[in-house]
Amino acid sequence: MEPPSAAPGPGPAPAPATAAASDDEASAFRALADPTRRQILEDLRGGELAAGEIASRFSISAPSISRHLGVLKGAGLVTERRDANRILYSLAEERLAMCVGRFLSAVCPEQIVLRHTKWRSAPEGDAS
């Protein structure tokens, strides 16, 4: 006969993939918490920009912008590539959408469904 199993703890530990996804999303939300970083993402919406071009849009120092870009890159919200002596940054749209989308669908799934339905039906409803 087997000994009785230990009493369960406060709850099951999350599966490694779930824990990794949570940590991954947490880094994205930490990056999004700062208004300067959110503005950088909005600026990148129009396409790739050099670090100097990004810095010129703000009244803070270039090293501060560099730190903000590092946080965004670490969170996977921007990608970078080198072009000679310039570093060019791009918005990682899919990554941003996945992180925010997963959170929203977990917190308010009805709203996601409603929004999705409105998006799909809007072109049909616009036809006059």
Foldseek 3Di string as FASTA:
>chain_A
DDDDDDDDDPDDDDDPVVVVLVVLLVLVVVLVPDPLLVVLLVVLVVHKDWLVVSQVVDPDDSVVSVVSVVSCVVSVQWDWDDDPPTIIIHGPVVSNCVSVVVVCCVPPVVVVVVVVVCVVCVVVVPPD
